[in-house]
Structures are given as structure tokens and as C-alpha cells.
């Protein structure tokens, strides 16, 4: 269980470190900053995001779930303000960065964790 958590954290840190190569509006100063930002993003997504999803449920239903992209971008942007060495140039850049980060993280997880599930 602990090894799987550490592997997921490392995969997310690598995804965050690779993100500036795809999205020029996101910068990560060092691997250390990527690891700290990945940890903070994981904690925020695990602890704070469910509360925000519940509070914004009516808006999410009205927008057929598209508001979740805005919520993810806001949390991504907030983490960029809290973690030194991880910057995002603006809110819409954070929305795009959160989407690309999710895709990179999903792809790396699918490649690296696939053999562990079998």
C-alpha cells in the first residue's frame, strides 16, 4: 500500500515536471518543486476537492459536469500560488494545465502500473 502511494506520487511528480514541455504557461523550477507540488496537489484533491464538488453540485449539474474543469483549474492555480518553484501564468492557463497534467499522469500510470495489476 505504501509502495503504491509512493509510486503514484512519483508518477504525478514526473507528470508535473514534464508539463512545461507541453504547456508553456506552466513552469516547474526543479524536480524538488515538482515533488512538493505533486504532494500538495494530491492532498488538495483528496481532502478539499470533495467538499468543493459537493458545494458546487448545482452548478456542475447545470453545466453537465463542465464546471469540474473550472474547479480543477482553480485548485491547480491555488497550488501554484502556494508552492515555491511551481508557477502558472493565469487562471485559464491553470485550467489547461490541469487538463494536460491529468492526461500525462493518466498515461504514465497506465504504462507503469499496468504490470502491477496483472
C-alpha atoms as a PDB file:
ATOM      1  CA  UNK A   1       0.000   0.000   0.000  1.00  0.00           C
ATOM      2  CA  UNK A   2       2.759   2.455   0.937  1.00  0.00           C
ATOM      3  CA  UNK A   3       4.794   1.499  -2.125  1.00  0.00           C
ATOM      4  CA  UNK A   4       1.786   2.074  -4.376  1.00  0.00           C
ATOM      5  CA  UNK A   5       1.228   5.507  -2.782  1.00  0.00           C
ATOM      6  CA  UNK A   6       4.891   6.448  -3.263  1.00  0.00           C
ATOM      7  CA  UNK A   7       4.839   5.218  -6.859  1.00  0.00           C
ATOM      8  CA  UNK A   8       1.695   7.244  -7.608  1.00  0.00           C
ATOM      9  CA  UNK A   9       3.284  10.318  -6.006  1.00  0.00           C
ATOM     10  CA  UNK A  10       6.430   9.846  -8.093  1.00  0.00           C
ATOM     11  CA  UNK A  11       4.368   9.404 -11.287  1.00  0.00           C
ATOM     12  CA  UNK A  12       2.462  12.614 -10.545  1.00  0.00           C
ATOM     13  CA  UNK A  13       5.714  14.467  -9.840  1.00  0.00           C
ATOM     14  CA  UNK A  14       7.161  13.290 -13.166  1.00  0.00           C
ATOM     15  CA  UNK A  15       3.950  14.333 -14.935  1.00  0.00           C
ATOM     16  CA  UNK A  16       4.167  17.750 -13.314  1.00  0.00           C
ATOM     17  CA  UNK A  17       7.837  18.063 -14.240  1.00  0.00           C
ATOM     18  CA  UNK A  18       7.024  17.172 -17.888  1.00  0.00           C
ATOM     19  CA  UNK A  19       4.082  19.580 -18.071  1.00  0.00           C
ATOM     20  CA  UNK A  20       6.100  22.718 -19.013  1.00  0.00           C
ATOM     21  CA  UNK A  21       7.318  20.915 -22.148  1.00  0.00           C
ATOM     22  CA  UNK A  22       3.702  20.703 -23.334  1.00  0.00           C
ATOM     23  CA  UNK A  23       2.165  23.799 -21.733  1.00  0.00           C
ATOM     24  CA  UNK A  24       4.417  26.896 -21.877  1.00  0.00           C
ATOM     25  CA  UNK A  25       2.296  28.798 -19.330  1.00  0.00           C
ATOM     26  CA  UNK A  26       3.259  26.405 -16.535  1.00  0.00           C
ATOM     27  CA  UNK A  27       6.779  26.349 -15.123  1.00  0.00           C
ATOM     28  CA  UNK A  28       8.391  23.986 -12.652  1.00  0.00           C
ATOM     29  CA  UNK A  29      11.756  25.168 -11.364  1.00  0.00           C
ATOM     30  CA  UNK A  30      13.169  21.846 -10.179  1.00  0.00           C
ATOM     31  CA  UNK A  31      12.339  18.188  -9.540  1.00  0.00           C
ATOM     32  CA  UNK A  32      12.048  19.069  -5.839  1.00  0.00           C
ATOM     33  CA  UNK A  33       9.400  21.685  -6.628  1.00  0.00           C
ATOM     34  CA  UNK A  34       7.573  19.121  -8.771  1.00  0.00           C
ATOM     35  CA  UNK A  35       7.590  16.598  -5.930  1.00  0.00           C
ATOM     36  CA  UNK A  36       6.298  19.129  -3.400  1.00  0.00           C
ATOM     37  CA  UNK A  37       3.635  20.410  -5.803  1.00  0.00           C
ATOM     38  CA  UNK A  38       2.538  16.845  -6.620  1.00  0.00           C
ATOM     39  CA  UNK A  39       2.190  16.097  -2.909  1.00  0.00           C
ATOM     40  CA  UNK A  40       0.189  19.274  -2.272  1.00  0.00           C
ATOM     41  CA  UNK A  41      -1.998  18.612  -5.341  1.00  0.00           C
ATOM     42  CA  UNK A  42      -2.669  15.090  -4.089  1.00  0.00           C
ATOM     43  CA  UNK A  43      -3.603  16.305  -0.624  1.00  0.00           C
ATOM     44  CA  UNK A  44      -5.825  19.071  -2.003  1.00  0.00           C
ATOM     45  CA  UNK A  45      -7.546  16.646  -4.384  1.00  0.00           C
ATOM     46  CA  UNK A  46      -8.096  14.138  -1.600  1.00  0.00           C
ATOM     47  CA  UNK A  47      -9.206  16.493   1.172  1.00  0.00           C
ATOM     48  CA  UNK A  48     -10.522  19.776  -0.244  1.00  0.00           C
ATOM     49  CA  UNK A  49     -11.821  18.888  -3.716  1.00  0.00           C
ATOM     50  CA  UNK A  50     -14.667  16.637  -2.488  1.00  0.00           C
ATOM     51  CA  UNK A  51     -16.003  19.492  -0.352  1.00  0.00           C
ATOM     52  CA  UNK A  52     -15.892  21.904  -3.297  1.00  0.00           C
ATOM     53  CA  UNK A  53     -17.534  19.330  -5.578  1.00  0.00           C
ATOM     54  CA  UNK A  54     -20.366  18.936  -3.095  1.00  0.00           C
ATOM     55  CA  UNK A  55     -20.799  22.696  -2.610  1.00  0.00           C
ATOM     56  CA  UNK A  56     -20.842  23.373  -6.357  1.00  0.00           C
ATOM     57  CA  UNK A  57     -23.017  20.398  -7.292  1.00  0.00           C
ATOM     58  CA  UNK A  58     -25.941  22.513  -8.590  1.00  0.00           C
ATOM     59  CA  UNK A  59     -23.627  24.448 -10.936  1.00  0.00           C
ATOM     60  CA  UNK A  60     -21.949  21.221 -12.016  1.00  0.00           C
ATOM     61  CA  UNK A  61     -25.322  19.679 -12.853  1.00  0.00           C
ATOM     62  CA  UNK A  62     -26.423  22.787 -14.778  1.00  0.00           C
ATOM     63  CA  UNK A  63     -23.232  22.745 -16.845  1.00  0.00           C
ATOM     64  CA  UNK A  64     -23.435  18.971 -17.372  1.00  0.00           C
ATOM     65  CA  UNK A  65     -20.173  18.447 -15.483  1.00  0.00           C
ATOM     66  CA  UNK A  66     -18.110  21.038 -17.323  1.00  0.00           C
ATOM     67  CA  UNK A  67     -17.759  23.117 -14.162  1.00  0.00           C
ATOM     68  CA  UNK A  68     -15.454  20.408 -12.808  1.00  0.00           C
ATOM     69  CA  UNK A  69     -12.819  21.618 -15.292  1.00  0.00           C
ATOM     70  CA  UNK A  70     -13.089  25.091 -13.751  1.00  0.00           C
ATOM     71  CA  UNK A  71     -12.850  23.638 -10.248  1.00  0.00           C
ATOM     72  CA  UNK A  72      -9.774  21.566 -11.141  1.00  0.00           C
ATOM     73  CA  UNK A  73      -8.163  24.606 -12.730  1.00  0.00           C
ATOM     74  CA  UNK A  74      -8.865  26.707  -9.639  1.00  0.00           C
ATOM     75  CA  UNK A  75      -7.259  24.137  -7.339  1.00  0.00           C
ATOM     76  CA  UNK A  76      -4.279  23.790  -9.711  1.00  0.00           C
ATOM     77  CA  UNK A  77      -3.916  27.584  -9.740  1.00  0.00           C
ATOM     78  CA  UNK A  78      -4.161  27.742  -5.934  1.00  0.00           C
ATOM     79  CA  UNK A  79      -1.396  25.159  -5.518  1.00  0.00           C
ATOM     80  CA  UNK A  80       0.774  27.171  -7.912  1.00  0.00           C
ATOM     81  CA  UNK A  81       0.371  30.157  -5.586  1.00  0.00           C
ATOM     82  CA  UNK A  82       1.303  28.116  -2.505  1.00  0.00           C
ATOM     83  CA  UNK A  83       4.284  26.106  -3.764  1.00  0.00           C
ATOM     84  CA  UNK A  84       7.501  27.960  -4.499  1.00  0.00           C
ATOM     85  CA  UNK A  85       9.062  26.966  -7.817  1.00  0.00           C
ATOM     86  CA  UNK A  86       5.732  25.988  -9.408  1.00  0.00           C
ATOM     87  CA  UNK A  87       4.069  28.815 -11.325  1.00  0.00           C
ATOM     88  CA  UNK A  88       1.107  29.231 -13.635  1.00  0.00           C
ATOM     89  CA  UNK A  89       0.650  32.467 -15.588  1.00  0.00           C
ATOM     90  CA  UNK A  90      -3.117  32.747 -15.169  1.00  0.00           C
ATOM     91  CA  UNK A  91      -6.393  31.067 -14.371  1.00  0.00           C
ATOM     92  CA  UNK A  92      -7.164  29.771 -17.873  1.00  0.00           C
ATOM     93  CA  UNK A  93      -3.598  28.551 -18.173  1.00  0.00           C
ATOM     94  CA  UNK A  94      -4.247  26.638 -14.935  1.00  0.00           C
ATOM     95  CA  UNK A  95      -7.394  25.066 -16.392  1.00  0.00           C
ATOM     96  CA  UNK A  96      -5.451  23.945 -19.467  1.00  0.00           C
ATOM     97  CA  UNK A  97      -2.518  22.847 -17.308  1.00  0.00           C
ATOM     98  CA  UNK A  98      -4.787  20.778 -15.053  1.00  0.00           C
ATOM     99  CA  UNK A  99      -6.263  19.006 -18.082  1.00  0.00           C
ATOM    100  CA  UNK A 100      -2.865  18.265 -19.620  1.00  0.00           C
ATOM    101  CA  UNK A 101      -1.445  17.247 -16.221  1.00  0.00           C
ATOM    102  CA  UNK A 102      -4.295  14.775 -15.783  1.00  0.00           C
ATOM    103  CA  UNK A 103      -3.699  13.283 -19.228  1.00  0.00           C
ATOM    104  CA  UNK A 104       0.068  12.909 -18.686  1.00  0.00           C
ATOM    105  CA  UNK A 105      -0.466  11.445 -15.212  1.00  0.00           C
ATOM    106  CA  UNK A 106      -3.097   9.016 -16.513  1.00  0.00           C
ATOM    107  CA  UNK A 107      -0.853   7.885 -19.383  1.00  0.00           C
ATOM    108  CA  UNK A 108       2.162   7.339 -17.122  1.00  0.00           C
ATOM    109  CA  UNK A 109       0.027   5.476 -14.586  1.00  0.00           C
ATOM    110  CA  UNK A 110      -1.453   3.279 -17.300  1.00  0.00           C
ATOM    111  CA  UNK A 111       2.015   2.416 -18.593  1.00  0.00           C
ATOM    112  CA  UNK A 112       3.761   1.889 -15.264  1.00  0.00           C
ATOM    113  CA  UNK A 113       1.019   0.474 -13.060  1.00  0.00           C
ATOM    114  CA  UNK A 114      -0.459  -1.860 -15.673  1.00  0.00           C
ATOM    115  CA  UNK A 115       2.006  -4.658 -14.946  1.00  0.00           C
ATOM    116  CA  UNK A 116       1.373  -4.380 -11.166  1.00  0.00           C
ATOM    117  CA  UNK A 117      -2.370  -5.046 -11.531  1.00  0.00           C
ATOM    118  CA  UNK A 118      -1.930  -8.230 -13.572  1.00  0.00           C
END
